[in-house]
Amino acid sequence: MAEYNIGDAVDRLFEGMHWNARMYSIRMAKEWQQIVGSTIAKYTYNISLCNQVLTITTDVAALKHELRAGKEHLIKNINDYFKNKVVTDIVITDIAVKPKEPHSNLLRNG
């Protein structure tokens, strides 16, 4: 029987129960401003993470263009932030319906 420390045991439990994706979704919602900075966080909403694809909504055309141009850099920054491969692709949308609470759907749909 292999020996594990408590951290390894918790990691294996999260992986086995497929809780890691949900945990990253929740953390991303709570830490979005720290991850991307206050300017991007201010103008993005409806952030969702599903199957390692991050969907970001913004109604600012210049920001949408900048996010698309810097998509690979943002993926690397997010994965570096979490020290894991959390995001493999990013989709930027411009749906005009804003939620009352920024980034709130990550907590519901992660």
N, C-alpha and C. Protein backbone atom coordinates (compact mmCIF):
# COMPACT_ATOMS: atom_id res chain seq x y z
N MET A 1 0.84 -1.18 0.00
CA MET A 1 0.00 0.00 0.00
C MET A 1 0.89 1.24 0.00
N ALA A 2 0.62 2.17 -0.89
CA ALA A 2 1.41 3.39 -1.01
C ALA A 2 1.07 4.35 0.13
N GLU A 3 2.06 5.11 0.54
CA GLU A 3 1.84 6.11 1.58
C GLU A 3 1.67 7.48 0.93
N TYR A 4 0.72 8.25 1.46
CA TYR A 4 0.45 9.59 0.97
C TYR A 4 0.43 10.55 2.15
N ASN A 5 0.89 11.78 1.89
CA ASN A 5 0.68 12.79 2.93
C ASN A 5 -0.74 13.32 2.76
N ILE A 6 -1.21 14.12 3.68
CA ILE A 6 -2.60 14.58 3.66
C ILE A 6 -2.90 15.40 2.40
N GLY A 7 -1.92 16.21 1.96
CA GLY A 7 -2.12 17.01 0.76
C GLY A 7 -2.32 16.15 -0.47
N ASP A 8 -1.49 15.11 -0.61
CA ASP A 8 -1.63 14.19 -1.74
C ASP A 8 -2.96 13.45 -1.69
N ALA A 9 -3.36 13.06 -0.49
CA ALA A 9 -4.64 12.34 -0.33
C ALA A 9 -5.81 13.23 -0.74
N VAL A 10 -5.78 14.49 -0.34
CA VAL A 10 -6.86 15.43 -0.71
C VAL A 10 -6.85 15.65 -2.22
N ASP A 11 -5.66 15.83 -2.82
CA ASP A 11 -5.56 16.00 -4.27
C ASP A 11 -6.14 14.80 -5.00
N ARG A 12 -5.81 13.60 -4.55
CA ARG A 12 -6.32 12.38 -5.19
C ARG A 12 -7.85 12.28 -5.03
N LEU A 13 -8.36 12.68 -3.89
CA LEU A 13 -9.80 12.67 -3.66
C LEU A 13 -10.49 13.64 -4.62
N PHE A 14 -9.97 14.86 -4.73
CA PHE A 14 -10.55 15.86 -5.63
C PHE A 14 -10.52 15.36 -7.07
N GLU A 15 -9.42 14.77 -7.48
CA GLU A 15 -9.32 14.24 -8.84
C GLU A 15 -10.31 13.10 -9.05
N GLY A 16 -10.36 12.20 -8.11
CA GLY A 16 -11.25 11.04 -8.23
C GLY A 16 -12.72 11.42 -8.25
N MET A 17 -13.08 12.45 -7.54
CA MET A 17 -14.48 12.89 -7.48
C MET A 17 -14.79 13.98 -8.50
N HIS A 18 -13.80 14.35 -9.31
CA HIS A 18 -13.94 15.39 -10.34
C HIS A 18 -14.35 16.73 -9.73
N TRP A 19 -13.81 17.03 -8.57
CA TRP A 19 -14.11 18.29 -7.89
C TRP A 19 -13.15 19.39 -8.28
N ASN A 20 -12.02 19.07 -8.89
CA ASN A 20 -11.04 20.09 -9.23
C ASN A 20 -11.62 21.17 -10.13
N ALA A 21 -12.36 20.79 -11.16
CA ALA A 21 -12.92 21.78 -12.08
C ALA A 21 -13.85 22.73 -11.35
N ARG A 22 -14.67 22.19 -10.47
CA ARG A 22 -15.59 23.04 -9.69
C ARG A 22 -14.81 23.97 -8.77
N MET A 23 -13.77 23.45 -8.14
CA MET A 23 -12.95 24.26 -7.25
C MET A 23 -12.30 25.41 -8.03
N TYR A 24 -11.77 25.12 -9.22
CA TYR A 24 -11.15 26.17 -10.01
C TYR A 24 -12.18 27.20 -10.47
N SER A 25 -13.38 26.77 -10.80
CA SER A 25 -14.44 27.71 -11.18
C SER A 25 -14.76 28.68 -10.05
N ILE A 26 -14.90 28.14 -8.86
CA ILE A 26 -15.21 28.98 -7.70
C ILE A 26 -14.06 29.93 -7.41
N ARG A 27 -12.84 29.41 -7.43
CA ARG A 27 -11.68 30.28 -7.17
C ARG A 27 -11.56 31.35 -8.24
N MET A 28 -11.81 31.00 -9.50
CA MET A 28 -11.69 31.98 -10.56
C MET A 28 -12.69 33.11 -10.36
N ALA A 29 -13.91 32.78 -9.95
CA ALA A 29 -14.92 33.80 -9.69
C ALA A 29 -14.48 34.72 -8.56
N LYS A 30 -13.97 34.16 -7.50
CA LYS A 30 -13.58 34.94 -6.34
C LYS A 30 -12.30 35.74 -6.58
N GLU A 31 -11.41 35.23 -7.41
CA GLU A 31 -10.09 35.82 -7.58
C GLU A 31 -9.89 36.45 -8.96
N TRP A 32 -10.98 36.64 -9.71
CA TRP A 32 -10.90 37.12 -11.08
C TRP A 32 -10.11 38.43 -11.19
N GLN A 33 -10.35 39.37 -10.29
CA GLN A 33 -9.64 40.65 -10.35
C GLN A 33 -8.14 40.46 -10.13
N GLN A 34 -7.77 39.57 -9.22
CA GLN A 34 -6.35 39.30 -8.98
C GLN A 34 -5.71 38.62 -10.20
N ILE A 35 -6.47 37.80 -10.89
CA ILE A 35 -5.95 37.05 -12.03
C ILE A 35 -5.72 37.95 -13.23
N VAL A 36 -6.70 38.81 -13.55
CA VAL A 36 -6.63 39.59 -14.79
C VAL A 36 -6.37 41.08 -14.57
N GLY A 37 -6.48 41.56 -13.35
CA GLY A 37 -6.30 42.98 -13.08
C GLY A 37 -7.64 43.69 -13.01
N SER A 38 -7.62 44.85 -12.38
CA SER A 38 -8.88 45.56 -12.10
C SER A 38 -9.56 46.09 -13.35
N THR A 39 -8.81 46.53 -14.36
CA THR A 39 -9.43 47.09 -15.56
C THR A 39 -10.20 46.02 -16.33
N ILE A 40 -9.56 44.89 -16.58
CA ILE A 40 -10.24 43.81 -17.31
C ILE A 40 -11.41 43.28 -16.48
N ALA A 41 -11.21 43.10 -15.19
CA ALA A 41 -12.28 42.59 -14.32
C ALA A 41 -13.48 43.52 -14.33
N LYS A 42 -13.24 44.82 -14.38
CA LYS A 42 -14.33 45.80 -14.35
C LYS A 42 -15.24 45.69 -15.57
N TYR A 43 -14.67 45.31 -16.71
CA TYR A 43 -15.44 45.30 -17.96
C TYR A 43 -15.74 43.90 -18.48
N THR A 44 -15.57 42.88 -17.66
CA THR A 44 -15.93 41.52 -18.05
C THR A 44 -16.95 40.96 -17.07
N TYR A 45 -17.79 40.09 -17.57
CA TYR A 45 -18.83 39.47 -16.75
C TYR A 45 -19.25 38.16 -17.39
N ASN A 46 -20.13 37.44 -16.72
CA ASN A 46 -20.57 36.12 -17.21
C ASN A 46 -19.39 35.21 -17.51
N ILE A 47 -18.43 35.17 -16.59
CA ILE A 47 -17.26 34.32 -16.73
C ILE A 47 -17.70 32.89 -16.42
N SER A 48 -17.39 31.96 -17.32
CA SER A 48 -17.73 30.56 -17.03
C SER A 48 -16.60 29.65 -17.50
N LEU A 49 -16.41 28.57 -16.77
CA LEU A 49 -15.37 27.59 -17.07
C LEU A 49 -16.04 26.23 -17.21
N CYS A 50 -15.91 25.64 -18.39
CA CYS A 50 -16.52 24.33 -18.65
C CYS A 50 -15.58 23.54 -19.55
N ASN A 51 -15.18 22.35 -19.10
CA ASN A 51 -14.27 21.50 -19.88
C ASN A 51 -13.01 22.24 -20.30
N GLN A 52 -12.45 23.02 -19.39
CA GLN A 52 -11.22 23.78 -19.58
C GLN A 52 -11.34 24.90 -20.60
N VAL A 53 -12.56 25.25 -20.99
CA VAL A 53 -12.79 26.37 -21.89
C VAL A 53 -13.39 27.50 -21.06
N LEU A 54 -12.69 28.62 -21.03
CA LEU A 54 -13.14 29.79 -20.29
C LEU A 54 -13.90 30.69 -21.23
N THR A 55 -15.14 31.03 -20.86
CA THR A 55 -15.94 31.97 -21.65
C THR A 55 -16.02 33.28 -20.89
N ILE A 56 -15.67 34.36 -21.59
CA ILE A 56 -15.66 35.69 -21.00
C ILE A 56 -16.58 36.57 -21.84
N THR A 57 -17.42 37.35 -21.17
CA THR A 57 -18.30 38.27 -21.88
C THR A 57 -17.87 39.70 -21.59
N THR A 58 -17.81 40.50 -22.64
CA THR A 58 -17.56 41.94 -22.51
C THR A 58 -18.31 42.65 -23.62
N ASP A 59 -18.80 43.85 -23.31
CA ASP A 59 -19.47 44.64 -24.35
C ASP A 59 -18.57 45.80 -24.80
N VAL A 60 -17.29 45.73 -24.44
CA VAL A 60 -16.31 46.74 -24.85
C VAL A 60 -15.52 46.16 -26.03
N ALA A 61 -15.76 46.72 -27.20
CA ALA A 61 -15.16 46.17 -28.43
C ALA A 61 -13.63 46.14 -28.37
N ALA A 62 -13.03 47.20 -27.88
CA ALA A 62 -11.57 47.24 -27.83
C ALA A 62 -11.02 46.17 -26.89
N LEU A 63 -11.68 45.95 -25.77
CA LEU A 63 -11.24 44.92 -24.82
C LEU A 63 -11.43 43.53 -25.43
N LYS A 64 -12.54 43.34 -26.11
CA LYS A 64 -12.79 42.06 -26.77
C LYS A 64 -11.67 41.76 -27.78
N HIS A 65 -11.30 42.74 -28.55
CA HIS A 65 -10.21 42.58 -29.52
C HIS A 65 -8.90 42.27 -28.81
N GLU A 66 -8.61 43.02 -27.75
CA GLU A 66 -7.37 42.81 -27.00
C GLU A 66 -7.32 41.43 -26.35
N LEU A 67 -8.45 40.97 -25.79
CA LEU A 67 -8.50 39.64 -25.18
C LEU A 67 -8.28 38.55 -26.23
N ARG A 68 -8.88 38.72 -27.39
CA ARG A 68 -8.68 37.73 -28.46
C ARG A 68 -7.23 37.71 -28.93
N ALA A 69 -6.64 38.89 -29.07
CA ALA A 69 -5.25 38.96 -29.53
C ALA A 69 -4.29 38.37 -28.49
N GLY A 70 -4.61 38.54 -27.22
CA GLY A 70 -3.74 38.07 -26.16
C GLY A 70 -4.21 36.78 -25.50
N LYS A 71 -5.02 36.02 -26.23
CA LYS A 71 -5.63 34.82 -25.66
C LYS A 71 -4.60 33.83 -25.12
N GLU A 72 -3.57 33.54 -25.88
CA GLU A 72 -2.56 32.57 -25.44
C GLU A 72 -1.83 33.05 -24.18
N HIS A 73 -1.56 34.34 -24.14
CA HIS A 73 -0.89 34.93 -22.97
C HIS A 73 -1.80 34.83 -21.74
N LEU A 74 -3.09 35.11 -21.92
CA LEU A 74 -4.04 35.03 -20.81
C LEU A 74 -4.18 33.58 -20.32
N ILE A 75 -4.24 32.63 -21.23
CA ILE A 75 -4.31 31.21 -20.84
C ILE A 75 -3.08 30.85 -20.01
N LYS A 76 -1.91 31.27 -20.46
CA LYS A 76 -0.68 30.98 -19.71
C LYS A 76 -0.72 31.62 -18.33
N ASN A 77 -1.16 32.88 -18.25
CA ASN A 77 -1.23 33.56 -16.95
C ASN A 77 -2.19 32.88 -15.99
N ILE A 78 -3.34 32.46 -16.50
CA ILE A 78 -4.32 31.78 -15.65
C ILE A 78 -3.75 30.45 -15.15
N ASN A 79 -3.18 29.68 -16.05
CA ASN A 79 -2.61 28.39 -15.66
C ASN A 79 -1.44 28.56 -14.70
N ASP A 80 -0.63 29.59 -14.91
CA ASP A 80 0.47 29.88 -13.97
C ASP A 80 -0.10 30.29 -12.61
N TYR A 81 -1.15 31.08 -12.61
CA TYR A 81 -1.78 31.51 -11.36
C TYR A 81 -2.23 30.31 -10.53
N PHE A 82 -2.86 29.35 -11.18
CA PHE A 82 -3.36 28.16 -10.48
C PHE A 82 -2.32 27.05 -10.37
N LYS A 83 -1.18 27.23 -11.02
CA LYS A 83 -0.11 26.22 -11.01
C LYS A 83 -0.63 24.87 -11.51
N ASN A 84 -1.51 24.95 -12.52
CA ASN A 84 -2.11 23.75 -13.09
C ASN A 84 -2.71 24.12 -14.44
N LYS A 85 -2.94 23.12 -15.29
CA LYS A 85 -3.57 23.36 -16.59
C LYS A 85 -5.09 23.41 -16.39
N VAL A 86 -5.58 24.61 -16.12
CA VAL A 86 -7.00 24.82 -15.82
C VAL A 86 -7.75 25.23 -17.09
N VAL A 87 -7.11 26.04 -17.93
CA VAL A 87 -7.74 26.58 -19.14
C VAL A 87 -6.92 26.17 -20.36
N THR A 88 -7.60 25.63 -21.38
CA THR A 88 -6.94 25.30 -22.63
C THR A 88 -7.39 26.20 -23.78
N ASP A 89 -8.54 26.85 -23.61
CA ASP A 89 -9.05 27.75 -24.64
C ASP A 89 -9.90 28.83 -23.99
N ILE A 90 -10.03 29.96 -24.68
CA ILE A 90 -10.86 31.06 -24.20
C ILE A 90 -11.78 31.49 -25.33
N VAL A 91 -13.06 31.69 -24.99
CA VAL A 91 -14.05 32.21 -25.92
C VAL A 91 -14.50 33.55 -25.38
N ILE A 92 -14.47 34.59 -26.23
CA ILE A 92 -14.90 35.92 -25.81
C ILE A 92 -16.20 36.23 -26.54
N THR A 93 -17.23 36.58 -25.77
CA THR A 93 -18.53 36.88 -26.34
C THR A 93 -18.92 38.31 -26.00
N ASP A 94 -19.99 38.80 -26.62
CA ASP A 94 -20.47 40.15 -26.36
C ASP A 94 -21.97 40.19 -26.13
N ILE A 95 -22.50 39.18 -25.50
CA ILE A 95 -23.93 39.15 -25.18
C ILE A 95 -24.24 40.35 -24.29
N ALA A 96 -25.31 41.05 -24.60
CA ALA A 96 -25.58 42.34 -23.95
C ALA A 96 -26.31 42.24 -22.61
N VAL A 97 -26.58 41.06 -22.09
CA VAL A 97 -27.31 40.94 -20.82
C VAL A 97 -26.30 40.83 -19.69
N LYS A 98 -26.24 41.87 -18.87
CA LYS A 98 -25.30 41.89 -17.75
C LYS A 98 -25.99 41.37 -16.49
N PRO A 99 -25.31 40.54 -15.71
CA PRO A 99 -25.88 40.12 -14.43
C PRO A 99 -25.77 41.24 -13.41
N LYS A 100 -26.56 41.17 -12.36
CA LYS A 100 -26.48 42.16 -11.30
C LYS A 100 -25.16 42.03 -10.54
N GLU A 101 -24.68 40.82 -10.37
CA GLU A 101 -23.46 40.54 -9.61
C GLU A 101 -22.36 40.12 -10.59
N PRO A 102 -21.27 40.90 -10.73
CA PRO A 102 -20.21 40.51 -11.65
C PRO A 102 -19.64 39.14 -11.32
N HIS A 103 -19.36 38.37 -12.35
CA HIS A 103 -18.73 37.06 -12.24
C HIS A 103 -19.59 36.05 -11.48
N SER A 104 -20.86 36.35 -11.24
CA SER A 104 -21.68 35.49 -10.37
C SER A 104 -22.00 34.14 -10.98
N ASN A 105 -22.07 34.03 -12.31
CA ASN A 105 -22.47 32.76 -12.89
C ASN A 105 -21.42 31.68 -12.68
N LEU A 106 -20.18 32.02 -12.44
CA LEU A 106 -19.17 31.01 -12.19
C LEU A 106 -19.52 30.20 -10.94
N LEU A 107 -20.11 30.85 -9.98
CA LEU A 107 -20.47 30.16 -8.75
C LEU A 107 -21.64 29.20 -8.99
N ARG A 108 -22.49 29.53 -9.94
CA ARG A 108 -23.64 28.68 -10.22
C ARG A 108 -23.34 27.60 -11.23
N ASN A 109 -22.57 27.93 -12.28
CA ASN A 109 -22.43 27.03 -13.42
C ASN A 109 -21.09 26.35 -13.52
N GLY A 110 -20.13 26.64 -12.63
CA GLY A 110 -18.77 26.12 -12.75
C GLY A 110 -18.73 24.70 -12.80
